[in-house]
Amino acid sequence: MTANDETYSSPLMQLVVEQLRKDKKATFADIKAVAAKKGLTLYPITFGRAKALLGLVPSAKRGEGKRARMKGALGAKRGPGRPPQAGIRRGPGRPRKLESTGFGMRRGPGRPRKQSSASDSLGALVDMMKQTERSAAAYRDALERALRLIGDALGV
């Protein structure tokens, strides 16, 4: 390597770039064999990234790739009243976006609904306090009965 060569984050990437600089038409299998001799495992993504870094294959800048072109083309050709990204799929297991439909976000299981107004939350607070007072009275009665039974048993 010469003094002006760049250093890469991994020895594998450095090896692949070196091999591609020596022979621009080197195949994946050729470079994989060289990497295996050095105890490295070559993956197709590393090979492709090295070729893109050296400009041996066409590559778009970030944000200008296939998905951006597809999104831009769909946005320009969409008719009135059609969603802007109908052709772009969200992937397996991902639900539709609900905020765009006007229904709001979905809540997880067991998560309470939002309170609709301040009076509802105040009413809920009063109900909770009444329930707490009833529970305290029931516990107090049970303790008094237990004390009476213990007192009778001891003859106090």
N, C-alpha and C. Protein backbone atom coordinates (compact mmCIF):
# COMPACT_ATOMS: atom_id res chain seq x y z
N MET A 1 0.85 -1.19 0.00
CA MET A 1 0.00 0.00 0.00
C MET A 1 0.89 1.24 0.00
N THR A 2 0.42 2.25 -0.68
CA THR A 2 1.17 3.49 -0.72
C THR A 2 0.72 4.39 0.41
N ALA A 3 1.43 5.50 0.59
CA ALA A 3 1.14 6.40 1.72
C ALA A 3 -0.19 7.11 1.56
N ASN A 4 -0.69 7.30 0.32
CA ASN A 4 -1.95 8.02 0.16
C ASN A 4 -3.17 7.11 0.12
N ASP A 5 -2.99 5.80 0.28
CA ASP A 5 -4.14 4.88 0.33
C ASP A 5 -4.95 5.10 1.60
N GLU A 6 -6.25 4.92 1.46
CA GLU A 6 -7.13 5.09 2.61
C GLU A 6 -7.11 3.82 3.46
N THR A 7 -7.38 3.99 4.73
CA THR A 7 -7.52 2.82 5.59
C THR A 7 -9.00 2.64 5.88
N TYR A 8 -9.43 1.42 5.93
CA TYR A 8 -10.85 1.11 6.15
C TYR A 8 -11.03 0.51 7.53
N SER A 9 -12.26 0.50 7.98
CA SER A 9 -12.55 0.10 9.35
C SER A 9 -12.26 -1.38 9.61
N SER A 10 -12.31 -2.21 8.60
CA SER A 10 -12.08 -3.63 8.84
C SER A 10 -10.97 -4.14 7.92
N PRO A 11 -10.24 -5.12 8.38
CA PRO A 11 -9.19 -5.71 7.54
C PRO A 11 -9.78 -6.37 6.29
N LEU A 12 -11.00 -6.88 6.41
CA LEU A 12 -11.64 -7.53 5.27
C LEU A 12 -11.90 -6.51 4.16
N MET A 13 -12.43 -5.34 4.53
CA MET A 13 -12.71 -4.31 3.53
C MET A 13 -11.41 -3.84 2.89
N GLN A 14 -10.38 -3.72 3.68
CA GLN A 14 -9.08 -3.29 3.17
C GLN A 14 -8.56 -4.31 2.14
N LEU A 15 -8.71 -5.59 2.47
CA LEU A 15 -8.27 -6.65 1.57
C LEU A 15 -9.05 -6.62 0.26
N VAL A 16 -10.36 -6.48 0.35
CA VAL A 16 -11.20 -6.49 -0.85
C VAL A 16 -10.85 -5.30 -1.74
N VAL A 17 -10.69 -4.12 -1.14
CA VAL A 17 -10.34 -2.94 -1.93
C VAL A 17 -8.98 -3.12 -2.60
N GLU A 18 -8.01 -3.67 -1.88
CA GLU A 18 -6.68 -3.93 -2.47
C GLU A 18 -6.80 -4.85 -3.67
N GLN A 19 -7.53 -5.94 -3.51
CA GLN A 19 -7.67 -6.92 -4.59
C GLN A 19 -8.38 -6.31 -5.80
N LEU A 20 -9.39 -5.50 -5.55
CA LEU A 20 -10.12 -4.88 -6.66
C LEU A 20 -9.28 -3.80 -7.35
N ARG A 21 -8.39 -3.15 -6.60
CA ARG A 21 -7.49 -2.18 -7.24
C ARG A 21 -6.49 -2.89 -8.15
N LYS A 22 -6.03 -4.08 -7.71
CA LYS A 22 -5.09 -4.85 -8.54
C LYS A 22 -5.76 -5.35 -9.81
N ASP A 23 -6.98 -5.91 -9.64
CA ASP A 23 -7.71 -6.48 -10.78
C ASP A 23 -9.17 -6.05 -10.69
N LYS A 24 -9.55 -5.08 -11.50
CA LYS A 24 -10.89 -4.53 -11.45
C LYS A 24 -11.96 -5.54 -11.86
N LYS A 25 -11.55 -6.60 -12.59
CA LYS A 25 -12.51 -7.60 -13.05
C LYS A 25 -12.50 -8.86 -12.18
N ALA A 26 -11.91 -8.76 -10.99
CA ALA A 26 -11.87 -9.92 -10.08
C ALA A 26 -13.29 -10.29 -9.67
N THR A 27 -13.54 -11.58 -9.57
CA THR A 27 -14.88 -12.05 -9.20
C THR A 27 -14.97 -12.24 -7.69
N PHE A 28 -16.19 -12.39 -7.24
CA PHE A 28 -16.45 -12.62 -5.82
C PHE A 28 -15.72 -13.87 -5.35
N ALA A 29 -15.78 -14.93 -6.15
CA ALA A 29 -15.14 -16.20 -5.78
C ALA A 29 -13.63 -16.05 -5.64
N ASP A 30 -13.02 -15.27 -6.55
CA ASP A 30 -11.57 -15.06 -6.48
C ASP A 30 -11.18 -14.38 -5.16
N ILE A 31 -11.87 -13.31 -4.85
CA ILE A 31 -11.54 -12.55 -3.64
C ILE A 31 -11.92 -13.34 -2.39
N LYS A 32 -12.96 -14.14 -2.48
CA LYS A 32 -13.36 -14.95 -1.33
C LYS A 32 -12.27 -15.98 -1.01
N ALA A 33 -11.64 -16.53 -2.05
CA ALA A 33 -10.56 -17.50 -1.83
C ALA A 33 -9.36 -16.82 -1.17
N VAL A 34 -9.04 -15.61 -1.59
CA VAL A 34 -7.91 -14.88 -0.99
C VAL A 34 -8.24 -14.57 0.48
N ALA A 35 -9.47 -14.17 0.75
CA ALA A 35 -9.88 -13.84 2.12
C ALA A 35 -9.85 -15.10 3.00
N ALA A 36 -10.27 -16.23 2.45
CA ALA A 36 -10.28 -17.47 3.22
C ALA A 36 -8.86 -17.87 3.61
N LYS A 37 -7.88 -17.64 2.73
CA LYS A 37 -6.49 -17.95 3.05
C LYS A 37 -5.99 -17.13 4.23
N LYS A 38 -6.54 -15.92 4.37
CA LYS A 38 -6.14 -15.05 5.48
C LYS A 38 -7.03 -15.22 6.70
N GLY A 39 -7.96 -16.18 6.64
CA GLY A 39 -8.84 -16.46 7.79
C GLY A 39 -10.01 -15.50 7.91
N LEU A 40 -10.40 -14.86 6.82
CA LEU A 40 -11.52 -13.91 6.83
C LEU A 40 -12.68 -14.47 6.02
N THR A 41 -13.88 -14.09 6.39
CA THR A 41 -15.06 -14.53 5.66
C THR A 41 -15.60 -13.35 4.86
N LEU A 42 -15.71 -13.53 3.55
CA LEU A 42 -16.20 -12.47 2.68
C LEU A 42 -17.69 -12.65 2.44
N TYR A 43 -18.44 -11.57 2.62
CA TYR A 43 -19.87 -11.56 2.38
C TYR A 43 -20.15 -10.73 1.13
N PRO A 44 -21.21 -11.06 0.41
CA PRO A 44 -21.52 -10.32 -0.81
C PRO A 44 -21.70 -8.82 -0.59
N ILE A 45 -22.24 -8.44 0.54
CA ILE A 45 -22.46 -7.02 0.81
C ILE A 45 -21.13 -6.27 0.89
N THR A 46 -20.11 -6.91 1.45
CA THR A 46 -18.79 -6.28 1.56
C THR A 46 -18.17 -6.13 0.18
N PHE A 47 -18.32 -7.15 -0.64
CA PHE A 47 -17.80 -7.11 -2.00
C PHE A 47 -18.47 -6.00 -2.79
N GLY A 48 -19.78 -5.91 -2.71
CA GLY A 48 -20.53 -4.88 -3.44
C GLY A 48 -20.20 -3.49 -2.95
N ARG A 49 -20.05 -3.34 -1.64
CA ARG A 49 -19.74 -2.02 -1.06
C ARG A 49 -18.34 -1.56 -1.52
N ALA A 50 -17.40 -2.48 -1.57
CA ALA A 50 -16.05 -2.14 -2.02
C ALA A 50 -16.07 -1.71 -3.49
N LYS A 51 -16.83 -2.43 -4.32
CA LYS A 51 -16.93 -2.05 -5.73
C LYS A 51 -17.57 -0.68 -5.87
N ALA A 52 -18.56 -0.38 -5.04
CA ALA A 52 -19.21 0.93 -5.10
C ALA A 52 -18.25 2.03 -4.64
N LEU A 53 -17.45 1.75 -3.61
CA LEU A 53 -16.48 2.74 -3.13
C LEU A 53 -15.45 3.09 -4.19
N LEU A 54 -15.06 2.09 -4.97
CA LEU A 54 -14.07 2.32 -6.01
C LEU A 54 -14.69 2.82 -7.31
N GLY A 55 -16.01 2.90 -7.35
CA GLY A 55 -16.69 3.40 -8.54
C GLY A 55 -16.78 2.40 -9.67
N LEU A 56 -16.67 1.12 -9.35
CA LEU A 56 -16.72 0.08 -10.38
C LEU A 56 -18.14 -0.28 -10.76
N VAL A 57 -19.10 0.06 -9.92
CA VAL A 57 -20.52 -0.18 -10.22
C VAL A 57 -21.28 1.13 -9.96
N PRO A 58 -22.36 1.36 -10.68
CA PRO A 58 -23.11 2.58 -10.43
C PRO A 58 -23.84 2.50 -9.09
N SER A 59 -23.78 3.58 -8.35
CA SER A 59 -24.51 3.62 -7.07
C SER A 59 -25.03 5.03 -6.86
N ALA A 60 -26.23 5.11 -6.33
CA ALA A 60 -26.86 6.41 -6.08
C ALA A 60 -26.44 6.93 -4.72
N LYS A 61 -26.50 8.26 -4.56
CA LYS A 61 -26.21 8.85 -3.26
C LYS A 61 -27.32 8.48 -2.30
N ARG A 62 -27.06 8.65 -1.01
CA ARG A 62 -28.07 8.38 0.01
C ARG A 62 -29.32 9.20 -0.25
N GLY A 63 -30.49 8.56 -0.20
CA GLY A 63 -31.75 9.26 -0.38
C GLY A 63 -32.13 9.47 -1.83
N GLU A 64 -31.33 8.95 -2.77
CA GLU A 64 -31.65 9.10 -4.18
C GLU A 64 -31.78 7.76 -4.88
N GLY A 65 -31.94 6.69 -4.11
CA GLY A 65 -31.98 5.35 -4.67
C GLY A 65 -33.33 4.96 -5.23
N LYS A 66 -33.53 3.66 -5.38
CA LYS A 66 -34.71 3.10 -6.00
C LYS A 66 -35.99 3.51 -5.26
N ARG A 67 -35.97 3.45 -3.94
CA ARG A 67 -37.16 3.77 -3.16
C ARG A 67 -37.54 5.25 -3.32
N ALA A 68 -36.56 6.14 -3.31
CA ALA A 68 -36.84 7.56 -3.48
C ALA A 68 -37.39 7.84 -4.87
N ARG A 69 -36.84 7.18 -5.89
CA ARG A 69 -37.36 7.37 -7.24
C ARG A 69 -38.79 6.86 -7.34
N MET A 70 -39.06 5.70 -6.72
CA MET A 70 -40.41 5.14 -6.75
C MET A 70 -41.40 6.06 -6.03
N LYS A 71 -40.99 6.56 -4.89
CA LYS A 71 -41.85 7.44 -4.10
C LYS A 71 -42.14 8.72 -4.87
N GLY A 72 -41.13 9.29 -5.50
CA GLY A 72 -41.31 10.51 -6.28
C GLY A 72 -42.20 10.29 -7.48
N ALA A 73 -42.05 9.17 -8.16
CA ALA A 73 -42.86 8.88 -9.34
C ALA A 73 -44.32 8.67 -8.94
N LEU A 74 -44.56 7.99 -7.83
CA LEU A 74 -45.93 7.76 -7.39
C LEU A 74 -46.59 9.06 -6.97
N GLY A 75 -45.85 9.93 -6.31
CA GLY A 75 -46.41 11.19 -5.84
C GLY A 75 -46.83 12.07 -7.01
N ALA A 76 -46.09 12.01 -8.14
CA ALA A 76 -46.39 12.86 -9.28
C ALA A 76 -47.59 12.35 -10.07
N LYS A 77 -47.80 11.04 -10.12
CA LYS A 77 -48.84 10.47 -10.97
C LYS A 77 -50.15 10.18 -10.23
N ARG A 78 -50.20 10.41 -8.94
CA ARG A 78 -51.39 10.06 -8.18
C ARG A 78 -52.54 10.98 -8.52
N GLY A 79 -53.72 10.43 -8.62
CA GLY A 79 -54.91 11.23 -8.90
C GLY A 79 -55.44 11.87 -7.63
N PRO A 80 -56.43 12.74 -7.76
CA PRO A 80 -56.98 13.41 -6.58
C PRO A 80 -57.71 12.42 -5.67
N GLY A 81 -57.53 12.58 -4.37
CA GLY A 81 -58.20 11.72 -3.40
C GLY A 81 -57.51 10.40 -3.16
N ARG A 82 -56.38 10.16 -3.79
CA ARG A 82 -55.67 8.90 -3.59
C ARG A 82 -54.53 9.12 -2.62
N PRO A 83 -54.28 8.16 -1.74
CA PRO A 83 -53.20 8.34 -0.77
C PRO A 83 -51.85 8.48 -1.47
N PRO A 84 -50.95 9.31 -0.93
CA PRO A 84 -49.69 9.59 -1.62
C PRO A 84 -48.73 8.41 -1.69
N GLN A 85 -48.82 7.44 -0.78
CA GLN A 85 -47.86 6.34 -0.76
C GLN A 85 -48.54 4.99 -0.86
N ALA A 86 -49.59 4.87 -1.65
CA ALA A 86 -50.33 3.61 -1.72
C ALA A 86 -49.48 2.48 -2.28
N GLY A 87 -48.53 2.78 -3.16
CA GLY A 87 -47.72 1.74 -3.77
C GLY A 87 -46.57 1.27 -2.91
N ILE A 88 -46.23 2.03 -1.88
CA ILE A 88 -45.11 1.66 -1.02
C ILE A 88 -45.65 0.81 0.11
N ARG A 89 -45.13 -0.40 0.21
CA ARG A 89 -45.62 -1.33 1.22
C ARG A 89 -44.86 -1.14 2.51
N ARG A 90 -45.53 -1.40 3.63
CA ARG A 90 -44.93 -1.20 4.95
C ARG A 90 -44.16 -2.42 5.42
N GLY A 91 -44.28 -3.55 4.78
CA GLY A 91 -43.54 -4.72 5.21
C GLY A 91 -44.41 -5.67 6.00
N PRO A 92 -43.97 -6.91 6.17
CA PRO A 92 -44.79 -7.92 6.85
C PRO A 92 -44.97 -7.60 8.33
N GLY A 93 -46.18 -7.74 8.79
CA GLY A 93 -46.47 -7.58 10.21
C GLY A 93 -46.60 -6.15 10.68
N ARG A 94 -46.50 -5.18 9.77
CA ARG A 94 -46.62 -3.78 10.19
C ARG A 94 -48.01 -3.29 9.85
N PRO A 95 -48.75 -2.80 10.84
CA PRO A 95 -50.12 -2.34 10.59
C PRO A 95 -50.16 -1.05 9.80
N ARG A 96 -51.32 -0.76 9.23
CA ARG A 96 -51.50 0.49 8.50
C ARG A 96 -51.33 1.66 9.44
N LYS A 97 -50.93 2.79 8.90
CA LYS A 97 -50.84 4.00 9.71
C LYS A 97 -52.25 4.49 9.97
N LEU A 98 -52.63 4.62 11.21
CA LEU A 98 -53.99 5.03 11.53
C LEU A 98 -54.13 6.53 11.66
N GLU A 99 -53.03 7.25 11.91
CA GLU A 99 -53.15 8.69 12.07
C GLU A 99 -53.59 9.35 10.78
N SER A 100 -53.29 8.74 9.63
CA SER A 100 -53.69 9.33 8.37
C SER A 100 -55.17 9.08 8.08
N THR A 101 -55.78 8.09 8.73
CA THR A 101 -57.18 7.80 8.48
C THR A 101 -58.10 8.58 9.40
N GLY A 102 -57.56 9.27 10.41
CA GLY A 102 -58.38 10.09 11.28
C GLY A 102 -58.88 9.36 12.51
N PHE A 103 -58.49 8.10 12.70
CA PHE A 103 -58.97 7.35 13.85
C PHE A 103 -58.05 7.47 15.06
N GLY A 104 -56.90 8.11 14.91
CA GLY A 104 -55.96 8.22 16.01
C GLY A 104 -55.13 6.97 16.16
N MET A 105 -54.24 6.99 17.11
CA MET A 105 -53.36 5.85 17.31
C MET A 105 -54.06 4.77 18.12
N ARG A 106 -53.69 3.52 17.86
CA ARG A 106 -54.26 2.40 18.61
C ARG A 106 -53.53 2.24 19.92
N ARG A 107 -54.23 1.78 20.92
CA ARG A 107 -53.64 1.55 22.23
C ARG A 107 -53.36 0.06 22.39
N GLY A 108 -52.40 -0.24 23.22
CA GLY A 108 -52.06 -1.63 23.48
C GLY A 108 -53.10 -2.27 24.39
N PRO A 109 -53.07 -3.59 24.54
CA PRO A 109 -54.04 -4.26 25.39
C PRO A 109 -53.86 -3.86 26.86
N GLY A 110 -54.96 -3.62 27.54
CA GLY A 110 -54.93 -3.27 28.95
C GLY A 110 -54.65 -1.81 29.22
N ARG A 111 -54.47 -1.04 28.19
CA ARG A 111 -54.19 0.38 28.37
C ARG A 111 -55.50 1.14 28.42
N PRO A 112 -55.72 1.97 29.46
CA PRO A 112 -57.02 2.64 29.60
C PRO A 112 -57.25 3.68 28.53
N ARG A 113 -58.53 3.95 28.29
CA ARG A 113 -58.90 5.00 27.33
C ARG A 113 -58.57 6.35 27.91
N LYS A 114 -58.42 7.32 27.02
CA LYS A 114 -58.17 8.67 27.49
C LYS A 114 -59.45 9.22 28.12
N GLN A 115 -59.29 10.06 29.16
CA GLN A 115 -60.44 10.73 29.76
C GLN A 115 -60.90 11.81 28.80
N SER A 116 -62.22 11.90 28.60
CA SER A 116 -62.71 12.85 27.61
C SER A 116 -62.75 14.28 28.13
N SER A 117 -62.93 14.47 29.45
CA SER A 117 -62.97 15.84 29.96
C SER A 117 -62.48 15.87 31.40
N ALA A 118 -62.32 17.08 31.92
CA ALA A 118 -61.85 17.24 33.30
C ALA A 118 -62.90 16.75 34.30
N SER A 119 -64.20 16.93 33.98
CA SER A 119 -65.25 16.50 34.91
C SER A 119 -65.27 14.98 35.04
N ASP A 120 -64.96 14.27 33.93
CA ASP A 120 -64.90 12.80 34.00
C ASP A 120 -63.76 12.36 34.91
N SER A 121 -62.60 13.01 34.79
CA SER A 121 -61.46 12.62 35.61
C SER A 121 -61.73 12.97 37.07
N LEU A 122 -62.42 14.09 37.33
CA LEU A 122 -62.77 14.46 38.70
C LEU A 122 -63.76 13.47 39.28
N GLY A 123 -64.74 13.05 38.47
CA GLY A 123 -65.72 12.04 38.92
C GLY A 123 -65.04 10.72 39.23
N ALA A 124 -64.07 10.34 38.41
CA ALA A 124 -63.34 9.09 38.65
C ALA A 124 -62.55 9.18 39.94
N LEU A 125 -61.97 10.35 40.22
CA LEU A 125 -61.21 10.54 41.45
C LEU A 125 -62.12 10.42 42.68
N VAL A 126 -63.32 11.03 42.62
CA VAL A 126 -64.26 10.95 43.74
C VAL A 126 -64.71 9.51 43.94
N ASP A 127 -65.01 8.80 42.86
CA ASP A 127 -65.42 7.38 42.97
C ASP A 127 -64.31 6.54 43.61
N MET A 128 -63.07 6.81 43.23
CA MET A 128 -61.95 6.07 43.79
C MET A 128 -61.81 6.35 45.29
N MET A 129 -62.00 7.60 45.68
CA MET A 129 -61.90 7.94 47.11
C MET A 129 -63.01 7.27 47.92
N LYS A 130 -64.23 7.24 47.37
CA LYS A 130 -65.34 6.56 48.05
C LYS A 130 -65.05 5.07 48.20
N GLN A 131 -64.52 4.47 47.16
CA GLN A 131 -64.19 3.04 47.22
C GLN A 131 -63.12 2.79 48.28
N THR A 132 -62.14 3.68 48.38
CA THR A 132 -61.09 3.54 49.38
C THR A 132 -61.67 3.65 50.79
N GLU A 133 -62.59 4.59 50.99
CA GLU A 133 -63.23 4.73 52.31
C GLU A 133 -64.03 3.49 52.66
N ARG A 134 -64.75 2.92 51.68
CA ARG A 134 -65.53 1.69 51.95
C ARG A 134 -64.60 0.54 52.32
N SER A 135 -63.48 0.42 51.61
CA SER A 135 -62.52 -0.64 51.91
C SER A 135 -61.93 -0.46 53.30
N ALA A 136 -61.59 0.79 53.66
CA ALA A 136 -61.02 1.05 54.98
C ALA A 136 -62.03 0.69 56.07
N ALA A 137 -63.31 1.02 55.87
CA ALA A 137 -64.35 0.70 56.86
C ALA A 137 -64.49 -0.82 57.01
N ALA A 138 -64.44 -1.54 55.89
CA ALA A 138 -64.57 -3.00 55.95
C ALA A 138 -63.38 -3.61 56.69
N TYR A 139 -62.18 -3.12 56.45
CA TYR A 139 -60.99 -3.62 57.15
C TYR A 139 -61.06 -3.29 58.64
N ARG A 140 -61.54 -2.10 58.95
CA ARG A 140 -61.65 -1.68 60.36
C ARG A 140 -62.63 -2.60 61.10
N ASP A 141 -63.78 -2.91 60.48
CA ASP A 141 -64.76 -3.82 61.09
C ASP A 141 -64.14 -5.21 61.32
N ALA A 142 -63.39 -5.70 60.33
CA ALA A 142 -62.78 -7.03 60.46
C ALA A 142 -61.77 -7.03 61.60
N LEU A 143 -60.98 -5.97 61.74
CA LEU A 143 -60.00 -5.89 62.83
C LEU A 143 -60.69 -5.83 64.19
N GLU A 144 -61.78 -5.06 64.28
CA GLU A 144 -62.50 -4.96 65.56
C GLU A 144 -63.08 -6.31 65.95
N ARG A 145 -63.64 -7.06 64.98
CA ARG A 145 -64.16 -8.40 65.28
C ARG A 145 -63.04 -9.33 65.73
N ALA A 146 -61.89 -9.25 65.06
CA ALA A 146 -60.77 -10.11 65.43
C ALA A 146 -60.30 -9.77 66.84
N LEU A 147 -60.25 -8.48 67.21
CA LEU A 147 -59.86 -8.09 68.57
C LEU A 147 -60.85 -8.60 69.61
N ARG A 148 -62.15 -8.50 69.28
CA ARG A 148 -63.17 -9.01 70.22
C ARG A 148 -63.02 -10.51 70.43
N LEU A 149 -62.79 -11.26 69.35
CA LEU A 149 -62.63 -12.70 69.47
C LEU A 149 -61.39 -13.04 70.29
N ILE A 150 -60.31 -12.33 70.07
CA ILE A 150 -59.09 -12.59 70.83
C ILE A 150 -59.32 -12.25 72.31
N GLY A 151 -59.99 -11.12 72.53
CA GLY A 151 -60.28 -10.71 73.93
C GLY A 151 -61.16 -11.72 74.63
N ASP A 152 -62.19 -12.25 73.97
CA ASP A 152 -63.07 -13.26 74.56
C ASP A 152 -62.30 -14.54 74.86
N ALA A 153 -61.40 -14.93 73.92
CA ALA A 153 -60.63 -16.15 74.11
C ALA A 153 -59.66 -16.03 75.29
N LEU A 154 -59.11 -14.86 75.50
CA LEU A 154 -58.18 -14.67 76.60
C LEU A 154 -58.89 -14.32 77.90
N GLY A 155 -60.17 -13.99 77.80
CA GLY A 155 -60.95 -13.66 79.00
C GLY A 155 -60.69 -12.25 79.49
N VAL A 156 -60.32 -11.37 78.63
CA VAL A 156 -60.03 -9.99 79.02
C VAL A 156 -61.27 -9.17 79.07
